[in-house]
Amino acid sequence: MMDAVLEELRETSGLIIGLILALVIMGLIGYALTNVHESIVSPVVRYIKKMVSRK
């Protein structure tokens, strides 16, 4: 009886850990994309605005 319960727990905790890992990874990717956006897009936009305002 106890073995079956432990097996169930192992499977469920595996799923939970998998979900947590997926969320963490997604969070990290989102964070990285935000940083990339900040470091690449913002200067480009600023540069374009500067070019446009010069004309």
PDB file of N, CA and C in Angstrom:
ATOM      1  N   MET A   1       0.836  -1.209   0.000  1.00  0.00           N
ATOM      2  CA  MET A   1       0.000   0.000   0.000  1.00  0.00           C
ATOM      3  C   MET A   1       0.867   1.254   0.000  1.00  0.00           C
ATOM      4  N   MET A   2       1.847   1.290   0.904  1.00  0.00           N
ATOM      5  CA  MET A   2       2.700   2.466   1.035  1.00  0.00           C
ATOM      6  C   MET A   2       3.491   2.725  -0.261  1.00  0.00           C
ATOM      7  N   ASP A   3       3.923   1.643  -0.910  1.00  0.00           N
ATOM      8  CA  ASP A   3       4.684   1.790  -2.159  1.00  0.00           C
ATOM      9  C   ASP A   3       3.873   2.525  -3.209  1.00  0.00           C
ATOM     10  N   ALA A   4       2.587   2.163  -3.338  1.00  0.00           N
ATOM     11  CA  ALA A   4       1.721   2.800  -4.338  1.00  0.00           C
ATOM     12  C   ALA A   4       1.576   4.288  -4.043  1.00  0.00           C
ATOM     13  N   VAL A   5       1.402   4.627  -2.764  1.00  0.00           N
ATOM     14  CA  VAL A   5       1.256   6.033  -2.375  1.00  0.00           C
ATOM     15  C   VAL A   5       2.526   6.813  -2.718  1.00  0.00           C
ATOM     16  N   LEU A   6       3.681   6.224  -2.383  1.00  0.00           N
ATOM     17  CA  LEU A   6       4.951   6.881  -2.683  1.00  0.00           C
ATOM     18  C   LEU A   6       5.128   7.072  -4.184  1.00  0.00           C
ATOM     19  N   GLU A   7       4.736   6.066  -4.952  1.00  0.00           N
ATOM     20  CA  GLU A   7       4.843   6.150  -6.412  1.00  0.00           C
ATOM     21  C   GLU A   7       3.984   7.298  -6.943  1.00  0.00           C
ATOM     22  N   GLU A   8       2.761   7.392  -6.428  1.00  0.00           N
ATOM     23  CA  GLU A   8       1.861   8.490  -6.813  1.00  0.00           C
ATOM     24  C   GLU A   8       2.495   9.840  -6.489  1.00  0.00           C
ATOM     25  N   LEU A   9       3.022   9.943  -5.270  1.00  0.00           N
ATOM     26  CA  LEU A   9       3.640  11.195  -4.839  1.00  0.00           C
ATOM     27  C   LEU A   9       4.811  11.563  -5.744  1.00  0.00           C
ATOM     28  N   ARG A  10       5.601  10.561  -6.105  1.00  0.00           N
ATOM     29  CA  ARG A  10       6.770  10.817  -6.948  1.00  0.00           C
ATOM     30  C   ARG A  10       6.326  11.352  -8.303  1.00  0.00           C
ATOM     31  N   GLU A  11       5.282  10.740  -8.861  1.00  0.00           N
ATOM     32  CA  GLU A  11       4.797  11.198 -10.168  1.00  0.00           C
ATOM     33  C   GLU A  11       4.237  12.613 -10.081  1.00  0.00           C
ATOM     34  N   THR A  12       3.450  12.880  -9.034  1.00  0.00           N
ATOM     35  CA  THR A  12       2.850  14.216  -8.901  1.00  0.00           C
ATOM     36  C   THR A  12       3.917  15.268  -8.658  1.00  0.00           C
ATOM     37  N   SER A  13       4.865  14.978  -7.769  1.00  0.00           N
ATOM     38  CA  SER A  13       5.911  15.959  -7.480  1.00  0.00           C
ATOM     39  C   SER A  13       6.765  16.178  -8.721  1.00  0.00           C
ATOM     40  N   GLY A  14       6.950  15.146  -9.530  1.00  0.00           N
ATOM     41  CA  GLY A  14       7.675  15.304 -10.792  1.00  0.00           C
ATOM     42  C   GLY A  14       6.971  16.293 -11.700  1.00  0.00           C
ATOM     43  N   LEU A  15       5.645  16.169 -11.787  1.00  0.00           N
ATOM     44  CA  LEU A  15       4.861  17.094 -12.605  1.00  0.00           C
ATOM     45  C   LEU A  15       4.961  18.515 -12.072  1.00  0.00           C
ATOM     46  N   ILE A  16       4.840  18.634 -10.736  1.00  0.00           N
ATOM     47  CA  ILE A  16       4.909  19.965 -10.118  1.00  0.00           C
ATOM     48  C   ILE A  16       6.278  20.592 -10.370  1.00  0.00           C
ATOM     49  N   ILE A  17       7.332  19.812 -10.158  1.00  0.00           N
ATOM     50  CA  ILE A  17       8.695  20.321 -10.381  1.00  0.00           C
ATOM     51  C   ILE A  17       8.859  20.729 -11.849  1.00  0.00           C
ATOM     52  N   GLY A  18       8.324  19.904 -12.748  1.00  0.00           N
ATOM     53  CA  GLY A  18       8.388  20.231 -14.175  1.00  0.00           C
ATOM     54  C   GLY A  18       7.695  21.549 -14.477  1.00  0.00           C
ATOM     55  N   LEU A  19       6.514  21.741 -13.887  1.00  0.00           N
ATOM     56  CA  LEU A  19       5.774  22.990 -14.102  1.00  0.00           C
ATOM     57  C   LEU A  19       6.543  24.185 -13.563  1.00  0.00           C
ATOM     58  N   ILE A  20       7.101  24.028 -12.360  1.00  0.00           N
ATOM     59  CA  ILE A  20       7.872  25.123 -11.756  1.00  0.00           C
ATOM     60  C   ILE A  20       9.078  25.461 -12.635  1.00  0.00           C
ATOM     61  N   LEU A  21       9.792  24.428 -13.093  1.00  0.00           N
ATOM     62  CA  LEU A  21      10.944  24.657 -13.968  1.00  0.00           C
ATOM     63  C   LEU A  21      10.524  25.376 -15.240  1.00  0.00           C
ATOM     64  N   ALA A  22       9.420  24.936 -15.840  1.00  0.00           N
ATOM     65  CA  ALA A  22       8.934  25.571 -17.068  1.00  0.00           C
ATOM     66  C   ALA A  22       8.633  27.043 -16.821  1.00  0.00           C
ATOM     67  N   LEU A  23       7.984  27.334 -15.693  1.00  0.00           N
ATOM     68  CA  LEU A  23       7.660  28.726 -15.370  1.00  0.00           C
ATOM     69  C   LEU A  23       8.927  29.546 -15.165  1.00  0.00           C
ATOM     70  N   VAL A  24       9.897  28.969 -14.447  1.00  0.00           N
ATOM     71  CA  VAL A  24      11.156  29.676 -14.206  1.00  0.00           C
ATOM     72  C   VAL A  24      11.865  29.964 -15.524  1.00  0.00           C
ATOM     73  N   ILE A  25      11.936  28.955 -16.392  1.00  0.00           N
ATOM     74  CA  ILE A  25      12.607  29.117 -17.688  1.00  0.00           C
ATOM     75  C   ILE A  25      11.898  30.187 -18.513  1.00  0.00           C
ATOM     76  N   MET A  26      10.551  30.128 -18.533  1.00  0.00           N
ATOM     77  CA  MET A  26       9.799  31.140 -19.274  1.00  0.00           C
ATOM     78  C   MET A  26      10.052  32.528 -18.718  1.00  0.00           C
ATOM     79  N   GLY A  27      10.121  32.624 -17.387  1.00  0.00           N
ATOM     80  CA  GLY A  27      10.401  33.903 -16.749  1.00  0.00           C
ATOM     81  C   GLY A  27      11.773  34.438 -17.145  1.00  0.00           C
ATOM     82  N   LEU A  28      12.756  33.547 -17.142  1.00  0.00           N
ATOM     83  CA  LEU A  28      14.119  33.949 -17.516  1.00  0.00           C
ATOM     84  C   LEU A  28      14.174  34.405 -18.963  1.00  0.00           C
ATOM     85  N   ILE A  29      13.488  33.664 -19.853  1.00  0.00           N
ATOM     86  CA  ILE A  29      13.469  34.034 -21.269  1.00  0.00           C
ATOM     87  C   ILE A  29      12.808  35.403 -21.436  1.00  0.00           C
ATOM     88  N   GLY A  30      11.687  35.601 -20.745  1.00  0.00           N
ATOM     89  CA  GLY A  30      11.007  36.895 -20.807  1.00  0.00           C
ATOM     90  C   GLY A  30      11.906  38.016 -20.322  1.00  0.00           C
ATOM     91  N   TYR A  31      12.613  37.764 -19.225  1.00  0.00           N
ATOM     92  CA  TYR A  31      13.532  38.745 -18.660  1.00  0.00           C
ATOM     93  C   TYR A  31      14.646  39.071 -19.649  1.00  0.00           C
ATOM     94  N   ALA A  32      15.212  38.025 -20.261  1.00  0.00           N
ATOM     95  CA  ALA A  32      16.286  38.209 -21.232  1.00  0.00           C
ATOM     96  C   ALA A  32      15.787  39.009 -22.424  1.00  0.00           C
ATOM     97  N   LEU A  33      14.572  38.680 -22.902  1.00  0.00           N
ATOM     98  CA  LEU A  33      14.015  39.394 -24.052  1.00  0.00           C
ATOM     99  C   LEU A  33      13.780  40.857 -23.718  1.00  0.00           C
ATOM    100  N   THR A  34      13.324  41.133 -22.501  1.00  0.00           N
ATOM    101  CA  THR A  34      13.114  42.520 -22.087  1.00  0.00           C
ATOM    102  C   THR A  34      14.438  43.267 -22.091  1.00  0.00           C
ATOM    103  N   ASN A  35      15.485  42.624 -21.581  1.00  0.00           N
ATOM    104  CA  ASN A  35      16.805  43.260 -21.552  1.00  0.00           C
ATOM    105  C   ASN A  35      17.315  43.510 -22.959  1.00  0.00           C
ATOM    106  N   VAL A  36      17.143  42.517 -23.834  1.00  0.00           N
ATOM    107  CA  VAL A  36      17.564  42.678 -25.230  1.00  0.00           C
ATOM    108  C   VAL A  36      16.802  43.839 -25.851  1.00  0.00           C
ATOM    109  N   HIS A  37      15.492  43.880 -25.593  1.00  0.00           N
ATOM    110  CA  HIS A  37      14.654  44.955 -26.114  1.00  0.00           C
ATOM    111  C   HIS A  37      15.176  46.303 -25.638  1.00  0.00           C
ATOM    112  N   GLU A  38      15.491  46.394 -24.351  1.00  0.00           N
ATOM    113  CA  GLU A  38      15.988  47.640 -23.782  1.00  0.00           C
ATOM    114  C   GLU A  38      17.326  48.038 -24.406  1.00  0.00           C
ATOM    115  N   SER A  39      18.222  47.064 -24.580  1.00  0.00           N
ATOM    116  CA  SER A  39      19.588  47.400 -24.994  1.00  0.00           C
ATOM    117  C   SER A  39      19.727  47.567 -26.500  1.00  0.00           C
ATOM    118  N   ILE A  40      18.801  47.006 -27.300  1.00  0.00           N
ATOM    119  CA  ILE A  40      18.919  47.105 -28.757  1.00  0.00           C
ATOM    120  C   ILE A  40      17.872  48.045 -29.334  1.00  0.00           C
ATOM    121  N   VAL A  41      16.607  47.838 -28.955  1.00  0.00           N
ATOM    122  CA  VAL A  41      15.523  48.587 -29.602  1.00  0.00           C
ATOM    123  C   VAL A  41      15.546  50.052 -29.190  1.00  0.00           C
ATOM    124  N   SER A  42      15.714  50.308 -27.892  1.00  0.00           N
ATOM    125  CA  SER A  42      15.668  51.696 -27.419  1.00  0.00           C
ATOM    126  C   SER A  42      16.693  52.599 -28.121  1.00  0.00           C
ATOM    127  N   PRO A  43      17.964  52.232 -28.180  1.00  0.00           N
ATOM    128  CA  PRO A  43      18.941  53.092 -28.881  1.00  0.00           C
ATOM    129  C   PRO A  43      18.599  53.276 -30.354  1.00  0.00           C
ATOM    130  N   VAL A  44      18.099  52.223 -30.993  1.00  0.00           N
ATOM    131  CA  VAL A  44      17.738  52.325 -32.411  1.00  0.00           C
ATOM    132  C   VAL A  44      16.605  53.325 -32.581  1.00  0.00           C
ATOM    133  N   VAL A  45      15.587  53.199 -31.721  1.00  0.00           N
ATOM    134  CA  VAL A  45      14.449  54.124 -31.782  1.00  0.00           C
ATOM    135  C   VAL A  45      14.929  55.551 -31.537  1.00  0.00           C
ATOM    136  N   ARG A  46      15.787  55.725 -30.560  1.00  0.00           N
ATOM    137  CA  ARG A  46      16.317  57.056 -30.246  1.00  0.00           C
ATOM    138  C   ARG A  46      17.072  57.617 -31.453  1.00  0.00           C
ATOM    139  N   TYR A  47      17.874  56.771 -32.100  1.00  0.00           N
ATOM    140  CA  TYR A  47      18.658  57.174 -33.264  1.00  0.00           C
ATOM    141  C   TYR A  47      17.739  57.609 -34.407  1.00  0.00           C
ATOM    142  N   ILE A  48      16.677  56.798 -34.629  1.00  0.00           N
ATOM    143  CA  ILE A  48      15.738  57.120 -35.700  1.00  0.00           C
ATOM    144  C   ILE A  48      15.035  58.451 -35.395  1.00  0.00           C
ATOM    145  N   LYS A  49      14.621  58.636 -34.160  1.00  0.00           N
ATOM    146  CA  LYS A  49      13.969  59.886 -33.781  1.00  0.00           C
ATOM    147  C   LYS A  49      14.904  61.063 -34.008  1.00  0.00           C
ATOM    148  N   LYS A  50      16.191  60.872 -33.696  1.00  0.00           N
ATOM    149  CA  LYS A  50      17.172  61.941 -33.885  1.00  0.00           C
ATOM    150  C   LYS A  50      17.291  62.281 -35.368  1.00  0.00           C
ATOM    151  N   MET A  51      17.352  61.247 -36.219  1.00  0.00           N
ATOM    152  CA  MET A  51      17.467  61.428 -37.660  1.00  0.00           C
ATOM    153  C   MET A  51      16.234  62.169 -38.192  1.00  0.00           C
ATOM    154  N   VAL A  52      15.065  61.750 -37.695  1.00  0.00           N
ATOM    155  CA  VAL A  52      13.806  62.342 -38.182  1.00  0.00           C
ATOM    156  C   VAL A  52      13.713  63.801 -37.765  1.00  0.00           C
ATOM    157  N   SER A  53      14.074  64.111 -36.535  1.00  0.00           N
ATOM    158  CA  SER A  53      13.937  65.477 -36.031  1.00  0.00           C
ATOM    159  C   SER A  53      14.956  66.409 -36.691  1.00  0.00           C
ATOM    160  N   ARG A  54      16.017  65.830 -37.267  1.00  0.00           N
ATOM    161  CA  ARG A  54      17.046  66.657 -37.904  1.00  0.00           C
ATOM    162  C   ARG A  54      16.560  67.208 -39.243  1.00  0.00           C
ATOM    163  N   LYS A  55      15.686  66.451 -39.906  1.00  0.00           N
ATOM    164  CA  LYS A  55      15.236  66.850 -41.254  1.00  0.00           C
ATOM    165  C   LYS A  55      14.341  68.081 -41.247  1.00  0.00           C
TER     166      LYS A  55
END
